[in-house]
């Protein structure tokens, strides 16, 4: 059985990724907590929902004596640019 590590931090911070949902609203997930995902009709609602989801996930982990995940400080989130495959193949680039 894995014991819950003692966290000295009273406030935990996690990166949440918000993406527009096909049917409208947003989907949000927290990569540091596998399975922590939610949705909402607006950004504000989704923001509230993802906080509730994180709390729920962490409560379950604590109840099951599992380790509380902490986001690694060296995690980097950025956008990258690549050539669209349509143009690469169209112009003979692979």
N, C-alpha and C. Protein backbone atom coordinates (compact mmCIF):
# COMPACT_ATOMS: atom_id res chain seq x y z
N UNK A 1 0.84 -1.17 0.00
CA UNK A 1 0.00 0.00 0.00
C UNK A 1 0.89 1.24 0.00
N UNK A 2 0.55 2.21 -0.86
CA UNK A 2 1.32 3.44 -0.95
C UNK A 2 0.78 4.42 0.07
N UNK A 3 1.64 4.99 0.83
CA UNK A 3 1.24 5.98 1.83
C UNK A 3 1.19 7.37 1.21
N UNK A 4 0.27 8.18 1.70
CA UNK A 4 0.16 9.56 1.24
C UNK A 4 1.37 10.32 1.73
N UNK A 5 2.06 10.95 0.79
CA UNK A 5 3.21 11.77 1.18
C UNK A 5 2.71 13.04 1.86
N UNK A 6 3.39 13.43 2.88
CA UNK A 6 3.04 14.64 3.59
C UNK A 6 3.45 15.85 2.73
N UNK A 7 2.48 16.69 2.45
CA UNK A 7 2.76 17.90 1.69
C UNK A 7 2.84 19.08 2.64
N UNK A 8 3.90 19.84 2.52
CA UNK A 8 4.05 21.00 3.39
C UNK A 8 3.29 22.20 2.83
N UNK A 9 2.83 22.10 1.58
CA UNK A 9 2.13 23.22 0.96
C UNK A 9 0.65 23.18 1.30
N UNK A 10 0.12 24.31 1.73
CA UNK A 10 -1.31 24.40 2.01
C UNK A 10 -2.09 24.57 0.70
N UNK A 11 -1.50 25.26 -0.24
CA UNK A 11 -2.13 25.49 -1.55
C UNK A 11 -1.33 24.74 -2.60
N UNK A 12 -2.02 23.89 -3.36
CA UNK A 12 -1.37 23.17 -4.47
C UNK A 12 -1.77 23.86 -5.78
N UNK A 13 -0.84 23.91 -6.70
CA UNK A 13 -1.11 24.53 -8.00
C UNK A 13 -0.91 23.49 -9.09
N UNK A 14 -1.87 23.45 -10.00
CA UNK A 14 -1.82 22.53 -11.14
C UNK A 14 -2.13 23.29 -12.42
N UNK A 15 -1.53 22.85 -13.51
CA UNK A 15 -1.84 23.41 -14.81
C UNK A 15 -3.10 22.74 -15.35
N UNK A 16 -4.06 23.54 -15.75
CA UNK A 16 -5.29 23.04 -16.38
C UNK A 16 -5.28 23.47 -17.84
N UNK A 17 -5.61 22.55 -18.72
CA UNK A 17 -5.67 22.83 -20.15
C UNK A 17 -7.13 22.89 -20.57
N UNK A 18 -7.52 24.01 -21.16
CA UNK A 18 -8.89 24.23 -21.61
C UNK A 18 -8.91 24.18 -23.14
N UNK A 19 -9.86 23.42 -23.67
CA UNK A 19 -10.03 23.34 -25.12
C UNK A 19 -11.50 23.52 -25.45
N UNK A 20 -11.80 24.20 -26.56
CA UNK A 20 -13.20 24.34 -26.96
C UNK A 20 -13.80 22.96 -27.26
N UNK A 21 -15.02 22.73 -26.78
CA UNK A 21 -15.73 21.47 -27.06
C UNK A 21 -16.48 21.62 -28.38
N UNK A 22 -16.59 20.53 -29.13
CA UNK A 22 -17.28 20.57 -30.43
C UNK A 22 -18.70 21.07 -30.30
N UNK A 23 -19.39 20.67 -29.23
CA UNK A 23 -20.79 21.04 -29.06
C UNK A 23 -20.95 22.40 -28.37
N UNK A 24 -19.85 23.09 -28.13
CA UNK A 24 -19.87 24.37 -27.45
C UNK A 24 -19.32 24.23 -26.04
N UNK A 25 -18.95 25.33 -25.45
CA UNK A 25 -18.36 25.29 -24.12
C UNK A 25 -16.91 24.83 -24.18
N UNK A 26 -16.42 24.29 -23.08
CA UNK A 26 -15.02 23.89 -22.97
C UNK A 26 -14.87 22.54 -22.29
N UNK A 27 -13.76 21.90 -22.58
CA UNK A 27 -13.31 20.71 -21.88
C UNK A 27 -12.01 21.10 -21.20
N UNK A 28 -11.85 20.68 -19.96
CA UNK A 28 -10.62 21.00 -19.23
C UNK A 28 -10.05 19.72 -18.62
N UNK A 29 -8.72 19.66 -18.59
CA UNK A 29 -8.05 18.51 -17.97
C UNK A 29 -6.80 18.99 -17.25
N UNK A 30 -6.36 18.18 -16.29
CA UNK A 30 -5.16 18.48 -15.52
C UNK A 30 -4.18 17.34 -15.79
N UNK A 31 -3.16 17.57 -16.63
CA UNK A 31 -2.23 16.49 -17.00
C UNK A 31 -1.54 15.81 -15.82
N UNK A 32 -1.28 16.53 -14.74
CA UNK A 32 -0.57 15.94 -13.59
C UNK A 32 -1.43 14.94 -12.82
N UNK A 33 -2.75 14.97 -13.07
CA UNK A 33 -3.67 14.05 -12.38
C UNK A 33 -4.41 13.24 -13.44
N UNK A 34 -3.91 12.06 -13.75
CA UNK A 34 -4.55 11.24 -14.79
C UNK A 34 -6.04 11.03 -14.52
N UNK A 35 -6.84 11.23 -15.57
CA UNK A 35 -8.28 11.05 -15.45
C UNK A 35 -9.03 12.25 -14.94
N UNK A 36 -8.34 13.31 -14.61
CA UNK A 36 -9.00 14.51 -14.09
C UNK A 36 -9.42 15.38 -15.27
N UNK A 37 -10.69 15.29 -15.63
CA UNK A 37 -11.21 15.98 -16.80
C UNK A 37 -12.66 16.38 -16.52
N UNK A 38 -13.08 17.49 -17.09
CA UNK A 38 -14.45 17.96 -16.92
C UNK A 38 -14.83 18.84 -18.10
N UNK A 39 -16.05 19.34 -18.07
CA UNK A 39 -16.51 20.23 -19.13
C UNK A 39 -17.48 21.25 -18.56
N UNK A 40 -17.81 22.24 -19.36
CA UNK A 40 -18.77 23.26 -18.94
C UNK A 40 -19.26 24.03 -20.14
N UNK A 41 -20.36 24.75 -19.96
CA UNK A 41 -20.95 25.52 -21.05
C UNK A 41 -20.22 26.83 -21.31
N UNK A 42 -19.44 27.31 -20.34
CA UNK A 42 -18.67 28.55 -20.50
C UNK A 42 -17.29 28.34 -19.88
N UNK A 43 -16.37 29.26 -20.16
CA UNK A 43 -15.05 29.17 -19.56
C UNK A 43 -15.14 29.25 -18.03
N UNK A 44 -15.99 30.15 -17.55
CA UNK A 44 -16.14 30.34 -16.11
C UNK A 44 -16.67 29.06 -15.45
N UNK A 45 -17.70 28.45 -16.06
CA UNK A 45 -18.25 27.22 -15.50
C UNK A 45 -17.22 26.09 -15.53
N UNK A 46 -16.49 25.98 -16.65
CA UNK A 46 -15.48 24.94 -16.78
C UNK A 46 -14.35 25.16 -15.77
N UNK A 47 -14.00 26.40 -15.52
CA UNK A 47 -12.96 26.72 -14.54
C UNK A 47 -13.39 26.27 -13.15
N UNK A 48 -14.63 26.53 -12.78
CA UNK A 48 -15.15 26.07 -11.49
C UNK A 48 -15.18 24.54 -11.46
N UNK A 49 -15.64 23.93 -12.55
CA UNK A 49 -15.77 22.47 -12.59
C UNK A 49 -14.42 21.77 -12.48
N UNK A 50 -13.37 22.34 -13.10
CA UNK A 50 -12.07 21.66 -13.04
C UNK A 50 -11.49 21.76 -11.63
N UNK A 51 -11.75 22.85 -10.93
CA UNK A 51 -11.31 22.96 -9.53
C UNK A 51 -12.02 21.90 -8.69
N UNK A 52 -13.32 21.75 -8.90
CA UNK A 52 -14.09 20.72 -8.18
C UNK A 52 -13.58 19.32 -8.53
N UNK A 53 -13.24 19.10 -9.81
CA UNK A 53 -12.74 17.79 -10.24
C UNK A 53 -11.41 17.48 -9.58
N UNK A 54 -10.53 18.47 -9.51
CA UNK A 54 -9.22 18.26 -8.87
C UNK A 54 -9.42 17.91 -7.40
N UNK A 55 -10.27 18.65 -6.71
CA UNK A 55 -10.54 18.36 -5.30
C UNK A 55 -11.08 16.95 -5.14
N UNK A 56 -12.01 16.57 -6.01
CA UNK A 56 -12.57 15.22 -5.95
C UNK A 56 -11.53 14.14 -6.20
N UNK A 57 -10.69 14.33 -7.20
CA UNK A 57 -9.63 13.36 -7.51
C UNK A 57 -8.65 13.23 -6.35
N UNK A 58 -8.25 14.37 -5.77
CA UNK A 58 -7.29 14.33 -4.66
C UNK A 58 -7.91 13.70 -3.42
N UNK A 59 -9.20 13.94 -3.19
CA UNK A 59 -9.89 13.32 -2.06
C UNK A 59 -9.90 11.80 -2.20
N UNK A 60 -10.18 11.32 -3.42
CA UNK A 60 -10.18 9.87 -3.66
C UNK A 60 -8.79 9.29 -3.44
N UNK A 61 -7.77 9.96 -3.96
CA UNK A 61 -6.40 9.48 -3.77
C UNK A 61 -6.05 9.41 -2.28
N UNK A 62 -6.44 10.43 -1.54
CA UNK A 62 -6.16 10.45 -0.10
C UNK A 62 -6.89 9.31 0.61
N UNK A 63 -8.16 9.11 0.27
CA UNK A 63 -8.95 8.02 0.88
C UNK A 63 -8.33 6.66 0.59
N UNK A 64 -7.72 6.52 -0.58
CA UNK A 64 -7.12 5.24 -0.97
C UNK A 64 -5.65 5.15 -0.58
N UNK A 65 -5.19 6.07 0.24
CA UNK A 65 -3.79 6.11 0.68
C UNK A 65 -2.81 6.15 -0.49
N UNK A 66 -3.19 6.84 -1.55
CA UNK A 66 -2.32 7.00 -2.72
C UNK A 66 -1.57 8.33 -2.61
N UNK A 67 -0.49 8.42 -3.34
CA UNK A 67 0.31 9.64 -3.35
C UNK A 67 -0.45 10.77 -4.03
N UNK A 68 -0.37 11.95 -3.45
CA UNK A 68 -0.97 13.15 -4.05
C UNK A 68 0.02 13.67 -5.09
N UNK A 69 -0.39 13.71 -6.38
CA UNK A 69 0.55 14.17 -7.40
C UNK A 69 0.89 15.65 -7.25
N UNK A 70 2.13 15.94 -7.53
CA UNK A 70 2.58 17.32 -7.56
C UNK A 70 3.12 17.60 -8.95
N UNK A 71 2.78 18.73 -9.48
CA UNK A 71 3.27 19.10 -10.80
C UNK A 71 4.76 19.40 -10.71
N UNK A 72 5.50 18.89 -11.66
CA UNK A 72 6.94 19.13 -11.67
C UNK A 72 7.20 20.58 -12.09
N UNK A 73 8.07 21.26 -11.37
CA UNK A 73 8.32 22.67 -11.68
C UNK A 73 8.96 22.87 -13.06
N UNK A 74 9.62 21.83 -13.57
CA UNK A 74 10.26 21.99 -14.87
C UNK A 74 9.32 21.70 -16.04
N UNK A 75 8.03 21.45 -15.76
CA UNK A 75 7.05 21.24 -16.81
C UNK A 75 6.92 22.52 -17.63
N UNK A 76 6.98 22.38 -18.96
CA UNK A 76 6.87 23.53 -19.85
C UNK A 76 5.69 23.30 -20.79
N UNK A 77 4.82 24.27 -20.87
CA UNK A 77 3.71 24.21 -21.81
C UNK A 77 3.91 25.33 -22.81
N UNK A 78 3.98 24.96 -24.06
CA UNK A 78 4.20 25.94 -25.12
C UNK A 78 3.57 25.44 -26.40
N UNK A 79 3.41 26.31 -27.35
CA UNK A 79 2.92 25.93 -28.67
C UNK A 79 4.11 25.74 -29.59
N UNK A 80 4.00 24.78 -30.50
CA UNK A 80 5.04 24.57 -31.50
C UNK A 80 4.42 24.77 -32.87
N UNK A 81 5.25 25.06 -33.86
CA UNK A 81 4.78 25.25 -35.23
C UNK A 81 5.41 24.19 -36.13
N UNK A 82 4.59 23.58 -36.95
CA UNK A 82 5.07 22.63 -37.96
C UNK A 82 4.37 22.93 -39.27
N UNK A 83 4.94 22.45 -40.35
CA UNK A 83 4.31 22.64 -41.65
C UNK A 83 3.11 21.70 -41.76
N UNK A 84 2.02 22.24 -42.22
CA UNK A 84 0.80 21.46 -42.41
C UNK A 84 1.07 20.31 -43.38
N UNK A 85 0.68 19.07 -43.04
CA UNK A 85 0.97 17.92 -43.91
C UNK A 85 0.39 18.07 -45.31
N UNK A 86 -0.72 18.80 -45.44
CA UNK A 86 -1.31 19.00 -46.77
C UNK A 86 -0.30 19.70 -47.67
N UNK A 87 0.40 20.70 -47.15
CA UNK A 87 1.36 21.44 -47.94
C UNK A 87 2.67 20.68 -48.12
N UNK A 88 3.05 19.90 -47.11
CA UNK A 88 4.28 19.12 -47.23
C UNK A 88 4.15 18.10 -48.36
N UNK A 89 3.05 17.36 -48.39
CA UNK A 89 2.86 16.32 -49.40
C UNK A 89 2.58 16.95 -50.76
N UNK A 90 1.89 18.06 -50.80
CA UNK A 90 1.55 18.75 -52.05
C UNK A 90 2.80 19.24 -52.77
N UNK A 91 3.79 19.66 -52.00
CA UNK A 91 5.02 20.20 -52.57
C UNK A 91 6.16 19.19 -52.58
N UNK A 92 5.86 17.94 -52.31
CA UNK A 92 6.88 16.90 -52.36
C UNK A 92 7.76 16.79 -51.13
N UNK A 93 7.40 17.51 -50.06
CA UNK A 93 8.16 17.41 -48.81
C UNK A 93 7.55 16.30 -47.96
N UNK A 94 8.39 15.52 -47.36
CA UNK A 94 7.89 14.47 -46.47
C UNK A 94 8.55 14.60 -45.11
